[in-house]
PDB file of all heavy atoms in Angstrom:
ATOM      1  N   GLN A   1       0.840  -1.218  -0.029  1.00  0.00           N
ATOM      2  CA  GLN A   1      -0.017  -0.019   0.002  1.00  0.00           C
ATOM      3  C   GLN A   1       0.860   1.301   0.018  1.00  0.00           C
ATOM      4  O   GLN A   1       0.381   2.375  -0.318  1.00  0.00           O
ATOM      5  CB  GLN A   1      -0.875  -0.005   1.221  1.00  0.00           C
ATOM      6  CG  GLN A   1      -1.867  -1.130   1.346  1.00  0.00           C
ATOM      7  CD  GLN A   1      -2.713  -1.071   2.609  1.00  0.00           C
ATOM      8  OE1 GLN A   1      -3.858  -0.868   2.642  1.00  0.00           O
ATOM      9  NE2 GLN A   1      -2.041  -1.375   3.693  1.00  0.00           N
ATOM     10  N   PHE A   2       2.125   1.111   0.330  1.00  0.00           N
ATOM     11  CA  PHE A   2       3.001   2.339   0.509  1.00  0.00           C
ATOM     12  C   PHE A   2       3.986   2.454  -0.691  1.00  0.00           C
ATOM     13  O   PHE A   2       4.873   3.238  -0.608  1.00  0.00           O
ATOM     14  CB  PHE A   2       3.724   2.249   1.855  1.00  0.00           C
ATOM     15  CG  PHE A   2       2.778   2.221   2.968  1.00  0.00           C
ATOM     16  CD1 PHE A   2       2.512   0.979   3.617  1.00  0.00           C
ATOM     17  CD2 PHE A   2       2.122   3.358   3.396  1.00  0.00           C
ATOM     18  CE1 PHE A   2       1.624   0.921   4.630  1.00  0.00           C
ATOM     19  CE2 PHE A   2       1.251   3.324   4.454  1.00  0.00           C
ATOM     20  CZ  PHE A   2       0.968   2.085   5.070  1.00  0.00           C
ATOM     21  N   ARG A   3       3.738   1.658  -1.722  1.00  0.00           N
ATOM     22  CA  ARG A   3       4.433   1.870  -3.016  1.00  0.00           C
ATOM     23  C   ARG A   3       5.950   1.998  -2.919  1.00  0.00           C
ATOM     24  O   ARG A   3       6.579   2.869  -3.486  1.00  0.00           O
ATOM     25  CB  ARG A   3       3.838   3.147  -3.694  1.00  0.00           C
ATOM     26  CG  ARG A   3       2.351   3.113  -3.950  1.00  0.00           C
ATOM     27  CD  ARG A   3       1.849   4.352  -4.512  1.00  0.00           C
ATOM     28  NE  ARG A   3       0.431   4.369  -4.674  1.00  0.00           N
ATOM     29  CZ  ARG A   3      -0.258   5.496  -4.957  1.00  0.00           C
ATOM     30  NH1 ARG A   3       0.301   6.607  -5.256  1.00  0.00           N
ATOM     31  NH2 ARG A   3      -1.622   5.456  -5.059  1.00  0.00           N
ATOM     32  N   GLY A   4       6.516   1.042  -2.185  1.00  0.00           N
ATOM     33  CA  GLY A   4       7.985   1.009  -2.103  1.00  0.00           C
ATOM     34  C   GLY A   4       8.633   2.018  -1.199  1.00  0.00           C
ATOM     35  O   GLY A   4       9.820   2.233  -1.233  1.00  0.00           O
ATOM     36  N   SER A   5       7.846   2.657  -0.300  1.00  0.00           N
ATOM     37  CA  SER A   5       8.415   3.603   0.632  1.00  0.00           C
ATOM     38  C   SER A   5       9.490   2.945   1.487  1.00  0.00           C
ATOM     39  O   SER A   5       9.300   1.878   1.995  1.00  0.00           O
ATOM     40  CB  SER A   5       7.372   4.224   1.532  1.00  0.00           C
ATOM     41  OG  SER A   5       7.930   4.927   2.608  1.00  0.00           O
ATOM     42  N   PRO A   6      10.645   3.613   1.648  1.00  0.00           N
ATOM     43  CA  PRO A   6      11.765   3.030   2.472  1.00  0.00           C
ATOM     44  C   PRO A   6      11.391   2.867   3.918  1.00  0.00           C
ATOM     45  O   PRO A   6      12.101   2.152   4.686  1.00  0.00           O
ATOM     46  CB  PRO A   6      12.973   3.990   2.271  1.00  0.00           C
ATOM     47  CG  PRO A   6      12.289   5.233   1.807  1.00  0.00           C
ATOM     48  CD  PRO A   6      11.053   4.917   1.046  1.00  0.00           C
ATOM     49  N   THR A   7      10.308   3.523   4.345  1.00  0.00           N
ATOM     50  CA  THR A   7       9.944   3.415   5.791  1.00  0.00           C
ATOM     51  C   THR A   7       9.069   2.152   6.043  1.00  0.00           C
ATOM     52  O   THR A   7       8.900   1.797   7.212  1.00  0.00           O
ATOM     53  CB  THR A   7       9.208   4.624   6.247  1.00  0.00           C
ATOM     54  OG1 THR A   7       7.992   4.812   5.491  1.00  0.00           O
ATOM     55  CG2 THR A   7      10.058   5.892   6.155  1.00  0.00           C
ATOM     56  N   ALA A   8       8.590   1.571   5.001  1.00  0.00           N
ATOM     57  CA  ALA A   8       7.708   0.362   5.157  1.00  0.00           C
ATOM     58  C   ALA A   8       8.548  -0.919   5.161  1.00  0.00           C
ATOM     59  O   ALA A   8       9.371  -1.178   4.217  1.00  0.00           O
ATOM     60  CB  ALA A   8       6.707   0.318   4.085  1.00  0.00           C
ATOM     61  N   HIS A   9       8.455  -1.680   6.190  1.00  0.00           N
ATOM     62  CA  HIS A   9       9.242  -2.904   6.389  1.00  0.00           C
ATOM     63  C   HIS A   9       8.313  -4.083   6.633  1.00  0.00           C
ATOM     64  O   HIS A   9       7.344  -3.945   7.531  1.00  0.00           O
ATOM     65  CB  HIS A   9      10.215  -2.802   7.516  1.00  0.00           C
ATOM     66  CG  HIS A   9      11.110  -1.588   7.420  1.00  0.00           C
ATOM     67  ND1 HIS A   9      12.349  -1.639   6.812  1.00  0.00           N
ATOM     68  CD2 HIS A   9      10.873  -0.361   7.835  1.00  0.00           C
ATOM     69  CE1 HIS A   9      12.914  -0.439   6.903  1.00  0.00           C
ATOM     70  NE2 HIS A   9      12.044   0.395   7.491  1.00  0.00           N
ATOM     71  N   VAL A  10       8.423  -5.220   6.040  1.00  0.00           N
ATOM     72  CA  VAL A  10       7.605  -6.370   6.302  1.00  0.00           C
ATOM     73  C   VAL A  10       8.155  -7.121   7.518  1.00  0.00           C
ATOM     74  O   VAL A  10       9.256  -7.626   7.525  1.00  0.00           O
ATOM     75  CB  VAL A  10       7.503  -7.254   5.085  1.00  0.00           C
ATOM     76  CG1 VAL A  10       6.737  -8.510   5.389  1.00  0.00           C
ATOM     77  CG2 VAL A  10       6.958  -6.600   3.873  1.00  0.00           C
ATOM     78  N   ILE A  11       7.340  -7.141   8.605  1.00  0.00           N
ATOM     79  CA  ILE A  11       7.703  -7.907   9.756  1.00  0.00           C
ATOM     80  C   ILE A  11       6.463  -8.689  10.147  1.00  0.00           C
ATOM     81  O   ILE A  11       5.520  -8.174  10.758  1.00  0.00           O
ATOM     82  CB  ILE A  11       8.062  -7.028  10.967  1.00  0.00           C
ATOM     83  CG1 ILE A  11       9.296  -6.120  10.534  1.00  0.00           C
ATOM     84  CG2 ILE A  11       8.457  -7.821  12.211  1.00  0.00           C
ATOM     85  CD1 ILE A  11       9.700  -5.147  11.598  1.00  0.00           C
ATOM     86  N   ALA A  12       6.428  -9.987   9.691  1.00  0.00           N
ATOM     87  CA  ALA A  12       5.244 -10.817   9.898  1.00  0.00           C
ATOM     88  C   ALA A  12       5.038 -11.097  11.421  1.00  0.00           C
ATOM     89  O   ALA A  12       6.062 -11.197  12.197  1.00  0.00           O
ATOM     90  CB  ALA A  12       5.378 -12.139   9.188  1.00  0.00           C
ATOM     91  N   ASP A  13       3.781 -11.164  11.824  1.00  0.00           N
ATOM     92  CA  ASP A  13       3.528 -11.529  13.252  1.00  0.00           C
ATOM     93  C   ASP A  13       3.955 -12.940  13.546  1.00  0.00           C
ATOM     94  O   ASP A  13       3.951 -13.874  12.670  1.00  0.00           O
ATOM     95  CB  ASP A  13       1.995 -11.432  13.471  1.00  0.00           C
ATOM     96  CG  ASP A  13       1.539 -10.035  13.569  1.00  0.00           C
ATOM     97  OD1 ASP A  13       2.328  -9.145  13.812  1.00  0.00           O
ATOM     98  OD2 ASP A  13       0.289  -9.786  13.337  1.00  0.00           O
ATOM     99  N   GLY A  14       4.291 -13.204  14.771  1.00  0.00           N
ATOM    100  CA  GLY A  14       4.665 -14.539  15.196  1.00  0.00           C
ATOM    101  C   GLY A  14       3.469 -15.177  15.806  1.00  0.00           C
ATOM    102  O   GLY A  14       2.451 -14.584  16.051  1.00  0.00           O
ATOM    103  N   LEU A  15       3.677 -16.464  16.154  1.00  0.00           N
ATOM    104  CA  LEU A  15       2.580 -17.150  16.865  1.00  0.00           C
ATOM    105  C   LEU A  15       2.465 -16.629  18.290  1.00  0.00           C
ATOM    106  O   LEU A  15       3.460 -16.726  19.058  1.00  0.00           O
ATOM    107  CB  LEU A  15       2.860 -18.692  16.897  1.00  0.00           C
ATOM    108  CG  LEU A  15       2.414 -19.516  15.677  1.00  0.00           C
ATOM    109  CD1 LEU A  15       2.919 -20.922  15.840  1.00  0.00           C
ATOM    110  CD2 LEU A  15       0.931 -19.448  15.489  1.00  0.00           C
ATOM    111  N   ALA A  16       1.332 -16.170  18.612  1.00  0.00           N
ATOM    112  CA  ALA A  16       1.166 -15.593  19.978  1.00  0.00           C
ATOM    113  C   ALA A  16       0.638 -16.586  20.990  1.00  0.00           C
ATOM    114  O   ALA A  16       0.560 -16.315  22.176  1.00  0.00           O
ATOM    115  CB  ALA A  16       0.240 -14.385  19.923  1.00  0.00           C
ATOM    116  N   ILE A  17       0.359 -17.863  20.538  1.00  0.00           N
ATOM    117  CA  ILE A  17      -0.145 -18.867  21.402  1.00  0.00           C
ATOM    118  C   ILE A  17       0.600 -20.158  21.112  1.00  0.00           C
ATOM    119  O   ILE A  17       1.214 -20.318  20.009  1.00  0.00           O
ATOM    120  CB  ILE A  17      -1.680 -19.090  21.267  1.00  0.00           C
ATOM    121  CG1 ILE A  17      -1.951 -19.610  19.852  1.00  0.00           C
ATOM    122  CG2 ILE A  17      -2.415 -17.879  21.628  1.00  0.00           C
ATOM    123  CD1 ILE A  17      -3.371 -20.141  19.671  1.00  0.00           C
ATOM    124  N   ASP A  18       0.596 -21.091  22.031  1.00  0.00           N
ATOM    125  CA  ASP A  18       1.062 -22.442  21.772  1.00  0.00           C
ATOM    126  C   ASP A  18      -0.098 -23.184  21.122  1.00  0.00           C
ATOM    127  O   ASP A  18      -0.976 -23.713  21.830  1.00  0.00           O
ATOM    128  CB  ASP A  18       1.485 -23.051  23.088  1.00  0.00           C
ATOM    129  CG  ASP A  18       2.017 -24.539  22.912  1.00  0.00           C
ATOM    130  OD1 ASP A  18       2.308 -24.869  21.736  1.00  0.00           O
ATOM    131  OD2 ASP A  18       2.137 -25.235  23.901  1.00  0.00           O
ATOM    132  N   ALA A  19      -0.049 -23.257  19.796  1.00  0.00           N
ATOM    133  CA  ALA A  19      -1.214 -23.724  19.020  1.00  0.00           C
ATOM    134  C   ALA A  19      -1.344 -25.238  19.245  1.00  0.00           C
ATOM    135  O   ALA A  19      -0.470 -26.049  18.921  1.00  0.00           O
ATOM    136  CB  ALA A  19      -1.069 -23.469  17.537  1.00  0.00           C
ATOM    137  N   GLN A  20      -2.478 -25.628  19.789  1.00  0.00           N
ATOM    138  CA  GLN A  20      -2.731 -27.112  20.099  1.00  0.00           C
ATOM    139  C   GLN A  20      -4.143 -27.351  19.641  1.00  0.00           C
ATOM    140  O   GLN A  20      -5.016 -26.531  19.512  1.00  0.00           O
ATOM    141  CB  GLN A  20      -2.660 -27.360  21.603  1.00  0.00           C
ATOM    142  CG  GLN A  20      -1.269 -27.074  22.230  1.00  0.00           C
ATOM    143  CD  GLN A  20      -0.255 -28.082  21.805  1.00  0.00           C
ATOM    144  OE1 GLN A  20      -0.531 -29.215  21.455  1.00  0.00           O
ATOM    145  NE2 GLN A  20       1.026 -27.685  21.811  1.00  0.00           N
ATOM    146  N   ARG A  21      -4.401 -28.662  19.401  1.00  0.00           N
ATOM    147  CA  ARG A  21      -5.773 -29.143  19.007  1.00  0.00           C
ATOM    148  C   ARG A  21      -6.223 -30.133  20.019  1.00  0.00           C
ATOM    149  O   ARG A  21      -5.650 -31.158  20.189  1.00  0.00           O
ATOM    150  CB  ARG A  21      -5.674 -29.732  17.602  1.00  0.00           C
ATOM    151  CG  ARG A  21      -7.020 -29.945  16.940  1.00  0.00           C
ATOM    152  CD  ARG A  21      -6.875 -30.483  15.515  1.00  0.00           C
ATOM    153  NE  ARG A  21      -8.133 -30.369  14.817  1.00  0.00           N
ATOM    154  CZ  ARG A  21      -8.321 -30.814  13.548  1.00  0.00           C
ATOM    155  NH1 ARG A  21      -7.310 -31.386  12.937  1.00  0.00           N
ATOM    156  NH2 ARG A  21      -9.512 -30.709  13.006  1.00  0.00           N
ATOM    157  N   ALA A  22      -7.305 -29.825  20.705  1.00  0.00           N
ATOM    158  CA  ALA A  22      -7.852 -30.736  21.733  1.00  0.00           C
ATOM    159  C   ALA A  22      -8.449 -31.938  21.096  1.00  0.00           C
ATOM    160  O   ALA A  22      -8.870 -31.949  19.951  1.00  0.00           O
ATOM    161  CB  ALA A  22      -8.946 -29.996  22.546  1.00  0.00           C
ATOM    162  N   PRO A  23      -8.559 -33.052  21.818  1.00  0.00           N
ATOM    163  CA  PRO A  23      -9.150 -34.255  21.335  1.00  0.00           C
ATOM    164  C   PRO A  23     -10.613 -33.939  20.847  1.00  0.00           C
ATOM    165  O   PRO A  23     -11.360 -33.227  21.515  1.00  0.00           O
ATOM    166  CB  PRO A  23      -9.212 -35.220  22.460  1.00  0.00           C
ATOM    167  CG  PRO A  23      -8.014 -34.765  23.340  1.00  0.00           C
ATOM    168  CD  PRO A  23      -7.977 -33.221  23.171  1.00  0.00           C
ATOM    169  N   ARG A  24     -11.043 -34.563  19.728  1.00  0.00           N
ATOM    170  CA  ARG A  24     -12.273 -34.248  19.049  1.00  0.00           C
ATOM    171  C   ARG A  24     -13.481 -34.497  19.980  1.00  0.00           C
ATOM    172  O   ARG A  24     -14.321 -33.604  20.140  1.00  0.00           O
ATOM    173  CB  ARG A  24     -12.402 -35.102  17.784  1.00  0.00           C
ATOM    174  CG  ARG A  24     -13.734 -34.903  17.054  1.00  0.00           C
ATOM    175  CD  ARG A  24     -13.709 -35.962  15.895  1.00  0.00           C
ATOM    176  NE  ARG A  24     -15.050 -36.058  15.218  1.00  0.00           N
ATOM    177  CZ  ARG A  24     -15.262 -35.366  14.086  1.00  0.00           C
ATOM    178  NH1 ARG A  24     -14.353 -34.652  13.506  1.00  0.00           N
ATOM    179  NH2 ARG A  24     -16.487 -35.523  13.465  1.00  0.00           N
ATOM    180  N   GLY A  25     -13.553 -35.632  20.591  1.00  0.00           N
ATOM    181  CA  GLY A  25     -14.752 -35.975  21.380  1.00  0.00           C
ATOM    182  C   GLY A  25     -14.989 -35.015  22.570  1.00  0.00           C
ATOM    183  O   GLY A  25     -16.025 -34.372  22.691  1.00  0.00           O
ATOM    184  N   PRO A  26     -13.941 -34.814  23.472  1.00  0.00           N
ATOM    185  CA  PRO A  26     -14.153 -33.856  24.601  1.00  0.00           C
ATOM    186  C   PRO A  26     -14.414 -32.439  24.079  1.00  0.00           C
ATOM    187  O   PRO A  26     -15.174 -31.706  24.651  1.00  0.00           O
ATOM    188  CB  PRO A  26     -12.855 -34.022  25.311  1.00  0.00           C
ATOM    189  CG  PRO A  26     -12.349 -35.314  25.006  1.00  0.00           C
ATOM    190  CD  PRO A  26     -12.745 -35.588  23.598  1.00  0.00           C
ATOM    191  N   ALA A  27     -13.704 -32.020  22.922  1.00  0.00           N
ATOM    192  CA  ALA A  27     -13.922 -30.652  22.426  1.00  0.00           C
ATOM    193  C   ALA A  27     -15.360 -30.422  21.977  1.00  0.00           C
ATOM    194  O   ALA A  27     -15.913 -29.395  22.271  1.00  0.00           O
ATOM    195  CB  ALA A  27     -12.964 -30.410  21.266  1.00  0.00           C
ATOM    196  N   ARG A  28     -15.914 -31.397  21.252  1.00  0.00           N
ATOM    197  CA  ARG A  28     -17.281 -31.347  20.781  1.00  0.00           C
ATOM    198  C   ARG A  28     -18.286 -31.296  21.994  1.00  0.00           C
ATOM    199  O   ARG A  28     -19.268 -30.574  21.976  1.00  0.00           O
ATOM    200  CB  ARG A  28     -17.632 -32.397  19.832  1.00  0.00           C
ATOM    201  CG  ARG A  28     -16.912 -32.197  18.502  1.00  0.00           C
ATOM    202  CD  ARG A  28     -17.577 -32.875  17.351  1.00  0.00           C
ATOM    203  NE  ARG A  28     -16.964 -32.382  16.091  1.00  0.00           N
ATOM    204  CZ  ARG A  28     -17.549 -32.581  14.913  1.00  0.00           C
ATOM    205  NH1 ARG A  28     -18.665 -33.205  14.806  1.00  0.00           N
ATOM    206  NH2 ARG A  28     -16.989 -32.188  13.748  1.00  0.00           N
ATOM    207  N   ALA A  29     -17.984 -32.128  22.969  1.00  0.00           N
ATOM    208  CA  ALA A  29     -18.863 -32.193  24.150  1.00  0.00           C
ATOM    209  C   ALA A  29     -18.854 -30.893  24.883  1.00  0.00           C
ATOM    210  O   ALA A  29     -19.893 -30.408  25.369  1.00  0.00           O
ATOM    211  CB  ALA A  29     -18.438 -33.340  25.032  1.00  0.00           C
ATOM    212  N   ALA A  30     -17.699 -30.188  24.951  1.00  0.00           N
ATOM    213  CA  ALA A  30     -17.600 -28.981  25.670  1.00  0.00           C
ATOM    214  C   ALA A  30     -18.389 -27.888  25.020  1.00  0.00           C
ATOM    215  O   ALA A  30     -18.837 -26.973  25.619  1.00  0.00           O
ATOM    216  CB  ALA A  30     -16.106 -28.559  25.743  1.00  0.00           C
ATOM    217  N   LEU A  31     -18.590 -27.987  23.640  1.00  0.00           N
ATOM    218  CA  LEU A  31     -19.340 -27.006  22.862  1.00  0.00           C
ATOM    219  C   LEU A  31     -20.695 -27.398  22.613  1.00  0.00           C
ATOM    220  O   LEU A  31     -21.445 -26.656  21.926  1.00  0.00           O
ATOM    221  CB  LEU A  31     -18.616 -26.725  21.579  1.00  0.00           C
ATOM    222  CG  LEU A  31     -17.208 -26.012  21.744  1.00  0.00           C
ATOM    223  CD1 LEU A  31     -16.372 -26.044  20.463  1.00  0.00           C
ATOM    224  CD2 LEU A  31     -17.344 -24.585  22.188  1.00  0.00           C
TER     225      LEU A  31
END
């Protein structure tokens, strides 16, 4: 969006959580 401006730098976000997937059965029951 800044058309090559030298002040614009790409710094991607990092993972802010420890991404985990709960077991399907208990997860569905909880919801």
